[in-house]
Amino acid sequence: MNLDRALHLLACPICRGDLSRFDGQLRCPSGHSFDIARQGYVNLAGSAEPNNADTAAMLDARARVHAAGIFDQVTEMVCTMAHGSGTIMEVGAGTGAYLKAALGDDPATVGIALDVSKNAARRCTKADQRIAAIVTDVWKPLPIAERSLDTVQAVFAPRNLPEFARVLRFDGRFIAVTPRPPHLAGLRDAYGLLDIPSAKSEQLIAAAAEFFDLIDTRIVKYRVSVDEGLAADLVAMGPNAFHEPPTHITASAVNIDVTVQSFRPIHA
C-alpha cells in the first residue's frame, strides 16, 4: 500500500510521534489515531476542508493540460533538479503529475503528496503506487519527521519555508517553481485572470535566506498553441475556477514562463 512505503517518514501532527499502521488507521504511541480513507490516503489536517481546496473539476482540467504536454518542459526541469532523489515530497501536489515524474523509474523511490484537497489526495494515490497522499494544511507544522527527506518541491504552490528546512536532510534540496509576469499573459489579459506580481522569484530568495542558500536558478519559457478546450482548461485549473467563468474562450498561443529554483538548507 502507498502509505506503508512512507510510514517511516511521517509524524503525528499532534505530538510528532512515530506513526504505525493498525488495521484501517495510523496511530502514534500517545494514542492519537487517524482513519485511512478507502481510496488509500490519510487525512492529517485535523480540520474541515477549506472552500478554496481544489475541486474534482479543477483537477480534471489540470490532468488534461498535463496529458497534452503543455507543461512538459517545466516538468523536465523539475526532474533535472530533483536528480532522482530517494524521498521526495511535493506540497500542493494536485494531480501528482510533477511528483510522479520526479520519482523517475526507480521502484525504490518514495513520494509524499501533501494537499489540503481530498480530491487531490485521491488523484495522487492513483497516480503512482510509490506516492503516499496526505491531506493537511501545509501552512501548519507538517506531519513529517525531521531531517527525513531528500527533496521538497513546490510547483505553483504554498511554501512553508521553516517547515521545509526542518524536514529536509542537510544535503537535501528545496525546488520551487514560480510564474513570471508573461506566464499565460494572453489568457490573463483576455479573460481577466489573476495577476502575477513581478519579482516573485526574488521575493522567494529574500524570504528563504534565513533557512536556505540558493544554488541554482533556471528560466523556462516557450510558447504553445492550444485549442479552445485546452485554453478553457488552463483557465479552469487554477484559482480563477472559483470566479465566474468566461462565457467563451477561443484557441490561442500562450506563453509558459516560469522560474525554477533550487535551494540547499543552511546548516544550523
C-alpha atoms as a PDB file:
ATOM      1  CA  MET A   1       0.000   0.000   0.000  1.00  0.00           C
ATOM      2  CA  ASN A   2       1.163   3.514  -0.830  1.00  0.00           C
ATOM      3  CA  LEU A   3       1.136   4.743   2.777  1.00  0.00           C
ATOM      4  CA  ASP A   4       3.187   1.815   4.051  1.00  0.00           C
ATOM      5  CA  ARG A   5       6.157   2.887   1.934  1.00  0.00           C
ATOM      6  CA  ALA A   6       6.257   6.277   3.642  1.00  0.00           C
ATOM      7  CA  LEU A   7       5.377   5.468   7.260  1.00  0.00           C
ATOM      8  CA  HIS A   8       8.967   5.937   8.447  1.00  0.00           C
ATOM      9  CA  LEU A   9       8.844   9.493   7.067  1.00  0.00           C
ATOM     10  CA  LEU A  10       5.592  10.542   8.728  1.00  0.00           C
ATOM     11  CA  ALA A  11       4.951  12.049  12.153  1.00  0.00           C
ATOM     12  CA  CYS A  12       1.838  12.535  14.238  1.00  0.00           C
ATOM     13  CA  PRO A  13       0.513  16.055  13.559  1.00  0.00           C
ATOM     14  CA  ILE A  14      -0.436  16.425  17.226  1.00  0.00           C
ATOM     15  CA  CYS A  15       2.618  15.178  19.160  1.00  0.00           C
ATOM     16  CA  ARG A  16       5.238  14.462  16.431  1.00  0.00           C
ATOM     17  CA  GLY A  17       5.386  10.816  17.493  1.00  0.00           C
ATOM     18  CA  ASP A  18       6.067   7.997  15.032  1.00  0.00           C
ATOM     19  CA  LEU A  19       3.063   6.669  13.139  1.00  0.00           C
ATOM     20  CA  SER A  20       2.279   2.990  12.641  1.00  0.00           C
ATOM     21  CA  ARG A  21      -0.489   1.252  10.752  1.00  0.00           C
ATOM     22  CA  PHE A  22      -3.165  -0.632  12.676  1.00  0.00           C
ATOM     23  CA  ASP A  23      -5.941  -2.045  10.506  1.00  0.00           C
ATOM     24  CA  GLY A  24      -7.555   0.987   8.861  1.00  0.00           C
ATOM     25  CA  GLN A  25      -5.796   3.634  10.910  1.00  0.00           C
ATOM     26  CA  LEU A  26      -2.476   5.324  11.521  1.00  0.00           C
ATOM     27  CA  ARG A  27      -1.642   5.585  15.229  1.00  0.00           C
ATOM     28  CA  CYS A  28       1.125   7.062  17.347  1.00  0.00           C
ATOM     29  CA  PRO A  29       2.383   5.783  20.749  1.00  0.00           C
ATOM     30  CA  SER A  30       0.407   8.540  22.501  1.00  0.00           C
ATOM     31  CA  GLY A  31      -2.844   7.117  21.181  1.00  0.00           C
ATOM     32  CA  HIS A  32      -3.688   9.653  18.503  1.00  0.00           C
ATOM     33  CA  SER A  33      -5.320   7.900  15.556  1.00  0.00           C
ATOM     34  CA  PHE A  34      -6.247   8.844  12.010  1.00  0.00           C
ATOM     35  CA  ASP A  35      -8.528   6.892   9.698  1.00  0.00           C
ATOM     36  CA  ILE A  36      -7.174   5.777   6.341  1.00  0.00           C
ATOM     37  CA  ALA A  37      -9.659   6.571   3.582  1.00  0.00           C
ATOM     38  CA  ARG A  38     -10.968   3.767   1.412  1.00  0.00           C
ATOM     39  CA  GLN A  39      -9.046   5.267  -1.522  1.00  0.00           C
ATOM     40  CA  GLY A  40      -5.755   4.901   0.387  1.00  0.00           C
ATOM     41  CA  TYR A  41      -4.934   8.432   1.547  1.00  0.00           C
ATOM     42  CA  VAL A  42      -4.966   9.691   5.144  1.00  0.00           C
ATOM     43  CA  ASN A  43      -6.344  12.976   6.462  1.00  0.00           C
ATOM     44  CA  LEU A  44      -3.978  14.555   8.994  1.00  0.00           C
ATOM     45  CA  ALA A  45      -5.402  18.066   8.658  1.00  0.00           C
ATOM     46  CA  GLY A  46      -7.469  17.989  11.828  1.00  0.00           C
ATOM     47  CA  SER A  47      -9.934  20.477  10.357  1.00  0.00           C
ATOM     48  CA  ALA A  48     -12.564  20.794   7.649  1.00  0.00           C
ATOM     49  CA  GLU A  49     -11.503  21.204   4.041  1.00  0.00           C
ATOM     50  CA  PRO A  50     -11.321  24.924   3.136  1.00  0.00           C
ATOM     51  CA  ASN A  51     -13.548  26.448   0.487  1.00  0.00           C
ATOM     52  CA  ASN A  52     -10.585  27.085  -1.822  1.00  0.00           C
ATOM     53  CA  ALA A  53      -9.440  23.451  -1.955  1.00  0.00           C
ATOM     54  CA  ASP A  54      -9.074  22.095  -5.487  1.00  0.00           C
ATOM     55  CA  THR A  55     -12.304  20.616  -6.812  1.00  0.00           C
ATOM     56  CA  ALA A  56     -12.626  17.496  -8.947  1.00  0.00           C
ATOM     57  CA  ALA A  57     -13.389  19.693 -11.972  1.00  0.00           C
ATOM     58  CA  MET A  58     -10.238  21.768 -11.437  1.00  0.00           C
ATOM     59  CA  LEU A  59      -8.139  18.611 -11.208  1.00  0.00           C
ATOM     60  CA  ASP A  60      -9.790  17.175 -14.325  1.00  0.00           C
ATOM     61  CA  ALA A  61      -8.789  20.324 -16.207  1.00  0.00           C
ATOM     62  CA  ARG A  62      -5.238  20.135 -14.861  1.00  0.00           C
ATOM     63  CA  ALA A  63      -4.953  16.469 -15.824  1.00  0.00           C
ATOM     64  CA  ARG A  64      -5.971  17.246 -19.405  1.00  0.00           C
ATOM     65  CA  VAL A  65      -3.419  20.064 -19.591  1.00  0.00           C
ATOM     66  CA  HIS A  66      -0.644  17.769 -18.361  1.00  0.00           C
ATOM     67  CA  ALA A  67      -1.732  14.965 -20.709  1.00  0.00           C
ATOM     68  CA  ALA A  68      -1.473  17.406 -23.622  1.00  0.00           C
ATOM     69  CA  GLY A  69       2.152  18.159 -22.699  1.00  0.00           C
ATOM     70  CA  ILE A  70       1.625  21.873 -22.088  1.00  0.00           C
ATOM     71  CA  PHE A  71       3.975  21.886 -19.089  1.00  0.00           C
ATOM     72  CA  ASP A  72       6.387  19.157 -20.214  1.00  0.00           C
ATOM     73  CA  GLN A  73       9.427  21.457 -20.306  1.00  0.00           C
ATOM     74  CA  VAL A  74       8.673  22.685 -16.785  1.00  0.00           C
ATOM     75  CA  THR A  75       8.330  19.084 -15.628  1.00  0.00           C
ATOM     76  CA  GLU A  76      11.659  18.175 -17.213  1.00  0.00           C
ATOM     77  CA  MET A  77      13.450  20.967 -15.359  1.00  0.00           C
ATOM     78  CA  VAL A  78      11.891  19.933 -12.041  1.00  0.00           C
ATOM     79  CA  CYS A  79      13.051  16.363 -12.677  1.00  0.00           C
ATOM     80  CA  THR A  80      16.563  17.547 -13.512  1.00  0.00           C
ATOM     81  CA  MET A  81      16.828  19.432 -10.239  1.00  0.00           C
ATOM     82  CA  ALA A  82      15.320  16.556  -8.241  1.00  0.00           C
ATOM     83  CA  HIS A  83      18.071  14.331  -9.738  1.00  0.00           C
ATOM     84  CA  GLY A  84      16.397  11.045  -8.796  1.00  0.00           C
ATOM     85  CA  SER A  85      16.243  11.749  -5.075  1.00  0.00           C
ATOM     86  CA  GLY A  86      15.178   8.807  -2.932  1.00  0.00           C
ATOM     87  CA  THR A  87      12.470  10.596  -0.916  1.00  0.00           C
ATOM     88  CA  ILE A  88      10.530  13.459  -2.486  1.00  0.00           C
ATOM     89  CA  MET A  89       7.668  15.465  -1.009  1.00  0.00           C
ATOM     90  CA  GLU A  90       5.507  17.782  -3.070  1.00  0.00           C
ATOM     91  CA  VAL A  91       3.391  20.467  -1.434  1.00  0.00           C
ATOM     92  CA  GLY A  92       0.147  21.350  -3.179  1.00  0.00           C
ATOM     93  CA  ALA A  93       0.596  18.205  -5.250  1.00  0.00           C
ATOM     94  CA  GLY A  94      -2.678  18.440  -7.180  1.00  0.00           C
ATOM     95  CA  THR A  95      -2.865  15.575  -9.668  1.00  0.00           C
ATOM     96  CA  GLY A  96       0.563  14.261  -8.683  1.00  0.00           C
ATOM     97  CA  ALA A  97       1.940  14.766 -12.204  1.00  0.00           C
ATOM     98  CA  TYR A  98       5.105  16.636 -11.179  1.00  0.00           C
ATOM     99  CA  LEU A  99       5.795  14.292  -8.269  1.00  0.00           C
ATOM    100  CA  LYS A 100       5.305  11.150 -10.353  1.00  0.00           C
ATOM    101  CA  ALA A 101       7.722  12.482 -12.965  1.00  0.00           C
ATOM    102  CA  ALA A 102      10.326  13.467 -10.354  1.00  0.00           C
ATOM    103  CA  LEU A 103      10.284   9.965  -8.873  1.00  0.00           C
ATOM    104  CA  GLY A 104      11.695   8.652 -12.140  1.00  0.00           C
ATOM    105  CA  ASP A 105      11.876   4.945 -12.922  1.00  0.00           C
ATOM    106  CA  ASP A 106      13.473   3.716  -9.685  1.00  0.00           C
ATOM    107  CA  PRO A 107      10.951   1.480  -7.863  1.00  0.00           C
ATOM    108  CA  ALA A 108      12.668   2.247  -4.537  1.00  0.00           C
ATOM    109  CA  THR A 109      11.926   5.980  -4.580  1.00  0.00           C
ATOM    110  CA  VAL A 110       9.231   7.237  -2.223  1.00  0.00           C
ATOM    111  CA  GLY A 111       6.933  10.180  -2.830  1.00  0.00           C
ATOM    112  CA  ILE A 112       4.759  12.084  -0.372  1.00  0.00           C
ATOM    113  CA  ALA A 113       1.970  14.237  -1.789  1.00  0.00           C
ATOM    114  CA  LEU A 114       0.619  16.924   0.538  1.00  0.00           C
ATOM    115  CA  ASP A 115      -2.545  18.802  -0.362  1.00  0.00           C
ATOM    116  CA  VAL A 116      -5.440  20.360   1.509  1.00  0.00           C
ATOM    117  CA  SER A 117      -7.835  18.860  -1.061  1.00  0.00           C
ATOM    118  CA  LYS A 118      -9.255  15.374  -0.589  1.00  0.00           C
ATOM    119  CA  ASN A 119      -9.882  15.271  -4.329  1.00  0.00           C
ATOM    120  CA  ALA A 120      -6.170  15.848  -4.908  1.00  0.00           C
ATOM    121  CA  ALA A 121      -5.214  13.170  -2.381  1.00  0.00           C
ATOM    122  CA  ARG A 122      -7.372  10.646  -4.221  1.00  0.00           C
ATOM    123  CA  ARG A 123      -5.704  11.561  -7.519  1.00  0.00           C
ATOM    124  CA  CYS A 124      -2.199  11.290  -6.137  1.00  0.00           C
ATOM    125  CA  THR A 125      -2.877   7.884  -4.612  1.00  0.00           C
ATOM    126  CA  LYS A 126      -3.945   6.621  -8.033  1.00  0.00           C
ATOM    127  CA  ALA A 127      -1.103   8.348  -9.882  1.00  0.00           C
ATOM    128  CA  ASP A 128       1.689   6.036  -8.689  1.00  0.00           C
ATOM    129  CA  GLN A 129       1.980   3.265  -6.105  1.00  0.00           C
ATOM    130  CA  ARG A 130       5.126   4.976  -4.787  1.00  0.00           C
ATOM    131  CA  ILE A 131       3.146   8.064  -3.715  1.00  0.00           C
ATOM    132  CA  ALA A 132       1.648   8.363  -0.231  1.00  0.00           C
ATOM    133  CA  ALA A 133      -1.057  11.034  -0.224  1.00  0.00           C
ATOM    134  CA  ILE A 134      -1.691  13.133   2.887  1.00  0.00           C
ATOM    135  CA  VAL A 135      -4.449  15.710   3.391  1.00  0.00           C
ATOM    136  CA  THR A 136      -3.025  18.516   5.503  1.00  0.00           C
ATOM    137  CA  ASP A 137      -2.796  22.283   5.828  1.00  0.00           C
ATOM    138  CA  VAL A 138       0.698  22.998   4.514  1.00  0.00           C
ATOM    139  CA  TRP A 139       0.883  26.301   6.425  1.00  0.00           C
ATOM    140  CA  LYS A 140       0.823  24.402   9.714  1.00  0.00           C
ATOM    141  CA  PRO A 141       3.628  22.178  11.082  1.00  0.00           C
ATOM    142  CA  LEU A 142       3.993  19.380   8.558  1.00  0.00           C
ATOM    143  CA  PRO A 143       3.300  15.763   9.621  1.00  0.00           C
ATOM    144  CA  ILE A 144       6.790  14.751   8.500  1.00  0.00           C
ATOM    145  CA  ALA A 145       9.753  13.503  10.525  1.00  0.00           C
ATOM    146  CA  GLU A 146      12.693  15.864  10.994  1.00  0.00           C
ATOM    147  CA  ARG A 147      15.621  15.597   8.540  1.00  0.00           C
ATOM    148  CA  SER A 148      13.922  12.780   6.638  1.00  0.00           C
ATOM    149  CA  LEU A 149      13.566  13.988   3.030  1.00  0.00           C
ATOM    150  CA  ASP A 150      15.918  14.378   0.089  1.00  0.00           C
ATOM    151  CA  THR A 151      13.764  16.821  -1.867  1.00  0.00           C
ATOM    152  CA  VAL A 152      10.804  19.107  -1.242  1.00  0.00           C
ATOM    153  CA  GLN A 153       9.155  20.635  -4.287  1.00  0.00           C
ATOM    154  CA  ALA A 154       6.525  23.351  -4.538  1.00  0.00           C
ATOM    155  CA  VAL A 155       5.276  23.898  -8.090  1.00  0.00           C
ATOM    156  CA  PHE A 156       2.951  26.927  -8.191  1.00  0.00           C
ATOM    157  CA  ALA A 157       2.234  26.035  -4.555  1.00  0.00           C
ATOM    158  CA  PRO A 158       2.486  27.421  -0.994  1.00  0.00           C
ATOM    159  CA  ARG A 159       5.937  27.474   0.614  1.00  0.00           C
ATOM    160  CA  ASN A 160       6.232  26.877   4.354  1.00  0.00           C
ATOM    161  CA  LEU A 161       9.945  27.645   4.459  1.00  0.00           C
ATOM    162  CA  PRO A 162      10.699  26.938   8.149  1.00  0.00           C
ATOM    163  CA  GLU A 163       8.996  23.566   7.875  1.00  0.00           C
ATOM    164  CA  PHE A 164      10.723  22.716   4.596  1.00  0.00           C
ATOM    165  CA  ALA A 165      14.066  23.390   6.274  1.00  0.00           C
ATOM    166  CA  ARG A 166      13.103  21.200   9.237  1.00  0.00           C
ATOM    167  CA  VAL A 167      12.087  18.128   7.221  1.00  0.00           C
ATOM    168  CA  LEU A 168      14.929  18.236   4.678  1.00  0.00           C
ATOM    169  CA  ARG A 169      18.198  16.438   5.222  1.00  0.00           C
ATOM    170  CA  PHE A 170      21.181  18.759   5.435  1.00  0.00           C
ATOM    171  CA  ASP A 171      22.194  17.798   1.882  1.00  0.00           C
ATOM    172  CA  GLY A 172      18.590  17.958   0.644  1.00  0.00           C
ATOM    173  CA  ARG A 173      17.051  20.279  -1.912  1.00  0.00           C
ATOM    174  CA  PHE A 174      14.038  22.564  -1.991  1.00  0.00           C
ATOM    175  CA  ILE A 175      12.782  23.135  -5.535  1.00  0.00           C
ATOM    176  CA  ALA A 176      10.358  25.959  -6.266  1.00  0.00           C
ATOM    177  CA  VAL A 177       8.548  26.854  -9.477  1.00  0.00           C
ATOM    178  CA  THR A 178       7.116  30.364  -9.648  1.00  0.00           C
ATOM    179  CA  PRO A 179       5.398  32.073 -12.591  1.00  0.00           C
ATOM    180  CA  ARG A 180       6.862  35.178 -14.227  1.00  0.00           C
ATOM    181  CA  PRO A 181       4.603  38.053 -15.387  1.00  0.00           C
ATOM    182  CA  PRO A 182       4.433  36.841 -19.037  1.00  0.00           C
ATOM    183  CA  HIS A 183       3.156  33.407 -17.920  1.00  0.00           C
ATOM    184  CA  LEU A 184      -0.248  32.779 -19.551  1.00  0.00           C
ATOM    185  CA  ALA A 185      -0.370  36.533 -20.174  1.00  0.00           C
ATOM    186  CA  GLY A 186      -2.657  36.269 -23.195  1.00  0.00           C
ATOM    187  CA  LEU A 187      -5.252  34.334 -21.247  1.00  0.00           C
ATOM    188  CA  ARG A 188      -4.937  36.644 -18.255  1.00  0.00           C
ATOM    189  CA  ASP A 189      -5.434  39.732 -20.394  1.00  0.00           C
ATOM    190  CA  ALA A 190      -8.317  38.286 -22.404  1.00  0.00           C
ATOM    191  CA  TYR A 191     -10.272  36.710 -19.574  1.00  0.00           C
ATOM    192  CA  GLY A 192      -9.367  38.749 -16.506  1.00  0.00           C
ATOM    193  CA  LEU A 193      -7.348  36.086 -14.727  1.00  0.00           C
ATOM    194  CA  LEU A 194      -5.474  36.881 -11.536  1.00  0.00           C
ATOM    195  CA  ASP A 195      -2.356  39.000 -11.997  1.00  0.00           C
ATOM    196  CA  ILE A 196       1.149  37.674 -11.333  1.00  0.00           C
ATOM    197  CA  PRO A 197       3.212  40.037  -9.161  1.00  0.00           C
ATOM    198  CA  SER A 198       6.612  40.979 -10.542  1.00  0.00           C
ATOM    199  CA  ALA A 199       9.808  39.709  -8.913  1.00  0.00           C
ATOM    200  CA  LYS A 200       8.176  36.642  -7.327  1.00  0.00           C
ATOM    201  CA  SER A 201      11.410  34.646  -7.538  1.00  0.00           C
ATOM    202  CA  GLU A 202      13.418  37.500  -5.997  1.00  0.00           C
ATOM    203  CA  GLN A 203      10.895  37.705  -3.172  1.00  0.00           C
ATOM    204  CA  LEU A 204      11.294  33.975  -2.582  1.00  0.00           C
ATOM    205  CA  ILE A 205      15.081  34.309  -2.363  1.00  0.00           C
ATOM    206  CA  ALA A 206      14.711  37.029   0.262  1.00  0.00           C
ATOM    207  CA  ALA A 207      12.134  35.075   2.262  1.00  0.00           C
ATOM    208  CA  ALA A 208      14.209  31.888   2.119  1.00  0.00           C
ATOM    209  CA  ALA A 209      17.528  33.482   3.110  1.00  0.00           C
ATOM    210  CA  GLU A 210      17.105  32.612   6.792  1.00  0.00           C
ATOM    211  CA  PHE A 211      16.742  28.930   6.013  1.00  0.00           C
ATOM    212  CA  PHE A 212      18.243  28.212   2.583  1.00  0.00           C
ATOM    213  CA  ASP A 213      21.086  29.039   0.229  1.00  0.00           C
ATOM    214  CA  LEU A 214      20.133  29.461  -3.422  1.00  0.00           C
ATOM    215  CA  ILE A 215      22.208  27.092  -5.551  1.00  0.00           C
ATOM    216  CA  ASP A 216      20.583  27.209  -8.996  1.00  0.00           C
ATOM    217  CA  THR A 217      18.092  29.280 -10.979  1.00  0.00           C
ATOM    218  CA  ARG A 218      16.699  28.427 -14.406  1.00  0.00           C
ATOM    219  CA  ILE A 219      14.198  30.255 -16.574  1.00  0.00           C
ATOM    220  CA  VAL A 220      11.884  28.051 -18.616  1.00  0.00           C
ATOM    221  CA  LYS A 221       9.906  29.893 -21.269  1.00  0.00           C
ATOM    222  CA  TYR A 222       8.246  28.913 -24.519  1.00  0.00           C
ATOM    223  CA  ARG A 223       5.029  29.392 -26.476  1.00  0.00           C
ATOM    224  CA  VAL A 224       2.500  26.700 -27.175  1.00  0.00           C
ATOM    225  CA  SER A 225      -0.672  26.681 -29.238  1.00  0.00           C
ATOM    226  CA  VAL A 226      -3.825  25.446 -27.550  1.00  0.00           C
ATOM    227  CA  ASP A 227      -7.295  24.773 -28.885  1.00  0.00           C
ATOM    228  CA  GLU A 228     -10.480  26.058 -27.299  1.00  0.00           C
ATOM    229  CA  GLY A 229     -10.728  23.109 -24.938  1.00  0.00           C
ATOM    230  CA  LEU A 230      -7.193  23.387 -23.587  1.00  0.00           C
ATOM    231  CA  ALA A 231      -7.464  27.170 -23.299  1.00  0.00           C
ATOM    232  CA  ALA A 232     -10.588  26.673 -21.200  1.00  0.00           C
ATOM    233  CA  ASP A 233      -8.769  24.073 -19.081  1.00  0.00           C
ATOM    234  CA  LEU A 234      -5.875  26.459 -18.436  1.00  0.00           C
ATOM    235  CA  VAL A 235      -8.388  28.961 -17.100  1.00  0.00           C
ATOM    236  CA  ALA A 236     -10.375  26.385 -15.122  1.00  0.00           C
ATOM    237  CA  MET A 237      -7.496  24.531 -13.455  1.00  0.00           C
ATOM    238  CA  GLY A 238      -6.425  27.361 -11.135  1.00  0.00           C
ATOM    239  CA  PRO A 239      -7.969  29.730  -8.575  1.00  0.00           C
ATOM    240  CA  ASN A 240      -9.932  31.504 -11.286  1.00  0.00           C
ATOM    241  CA  ALA A 241     -12.224  28.467 -11.227  1.00  0.00           C
ATOM    242  CA  PHE A 242     -13.798  29.929  -8.089  1.00  0.00           C
ATOM    243  CA  HIS A 243     -14.900  33.037 -10.003  1.00  0.00           C
ATOM    244  CA  GLU A 244     -17.470  33.489 -12.749  1.00  0.00           C
ATOM    245  CA  PRO A 245     -16.065  31.658 -15.813  1.00  0.00           C
ATOM    246  CA  PRO A 246     -15.714  33.410 -19.179  1.00  0.00           C
ATOM    247  CA  THR A 247     -18.650  32.730 -21.474  1.00  0.00           C
ATOM    248  CA  HIS A 248     -16.478  31.834 -24.464  1.00  0.00           C
ATOM    249  CA  ILE A 249     -12.782  31.006 -24.733  1.00  0.00           C
ATOM    250  CA  THR A 250     -11.007  30.793 -28.075  1.00  0.00           C
ATOM    251  CA  ALA A 251      -7.928  28.948 -29.287  1.00  0.00           C
ATOM    252  CA  SER A 252      -4.685  30.856 -28.908  1.00  0.00           C
ATOM    253  CA  ALA A 253      -0.922  30.707 -28.462  1.00  0.00           C
ATOM    254  CA  VAL A 254       0.047  31.056 -24.810  1.00  0.00           C
ATOM    255  CA  ASN A 255       3.270  31.828 -23.000  1.00  0.00           C
ATOM    256  CA  ILE A 256       4.724  29.397 -20.494  1.00  0.00           C
ATOM    257  CA  ASP A 257       7.237  31.436 -18.488  1.00  0.00           C
ATOM    258  CA  VAL A 258       8.452  30.301 -15.071  1.00  0.00           C
ATOM    259  CA  THR A 259      11.445  30.404 -12.755  1.00  0.00           C
ATOM    260  CA  VAL A 260      12.707  27.099 -11.361  1.00  0.00           C
ATOM    261  CA  GLN A 261      14.985  27.477  -8.332  1.00  0.00           C
ATOM    262  CA  SER A 262      16.917  25.001  -6.224  1.00  0.00           C
ATOM    263  CA  PHE A 263      17.837  25.749  -2.603  1.00  0.00           C
ATOM    264  CA  ARG A 264      20.002  23.942  -0.051  1.00  0.00           C
ATOM    265  CA  PRO A 265      19.233  24.063   3.697  1.00  0.00           C
ATOM    266  CA  ILE A 266      21.551  26.185   5.810  1.00  0.00           C
ATOM    267  CA  HIS A 267      23.224  24.033   8.461  1.00  0.00           C
ATOM    268  CA  ALA A 268      22.355  25.125  11.976  1.00  0.00           C
END
